[in-house]
Amino acid sequence: MRKNKGFSFIIKYEVYPFELFVSIAQKDKEFWTDIKKILLEEHVEGLKEMMKDQFSARTVFMSDPPNGGQTVMRLMGWQYHPKARGILQHEIFHAVAFLMMELNMPLCHENDEAYAYLVGYITEKIEEKIRENWK
């Protein structure tokens, strides 16, 4: 049986000028190597500070230019299980909330459909990558 290997990828929001970097089950060395390809060194140091505590998943928003608007989602592991999917949805909601706050669109009844569509879009993109990379 093949052992699953961690991976990362970027989701472009398409209609918004921002991206979501997603890391699933990567070892620290792999994660930091990949993240250094997209963030400036000072932002990497700031991200290290935000991710220094132990966690099963974390999503952070980089607000300072030129990486402003970059959201980073890291899932420490993955399995096909309802709890893992719940954690994924939790982190996707954080990513959506960060983006919408950056666009000055706080969640309310008048714009909840935009949030819902974006949650669905990100979920589809992540699930596609999981199917391609995880057996």
Foldseek 3Di string as FASTA:
>chain_A
DDDFAKDWDKDQLVVDRAIEIETAQHDPVVVLVVVVVPDPPVVSVVVCVVPVDDDQKDKDADCDPPNHRYIYIYGNHDDPDPVRVVVVLVNQLVNLQSNCVVVVRHDDPVCVVVSVVSSVVVVVVVVVVCVVRPD
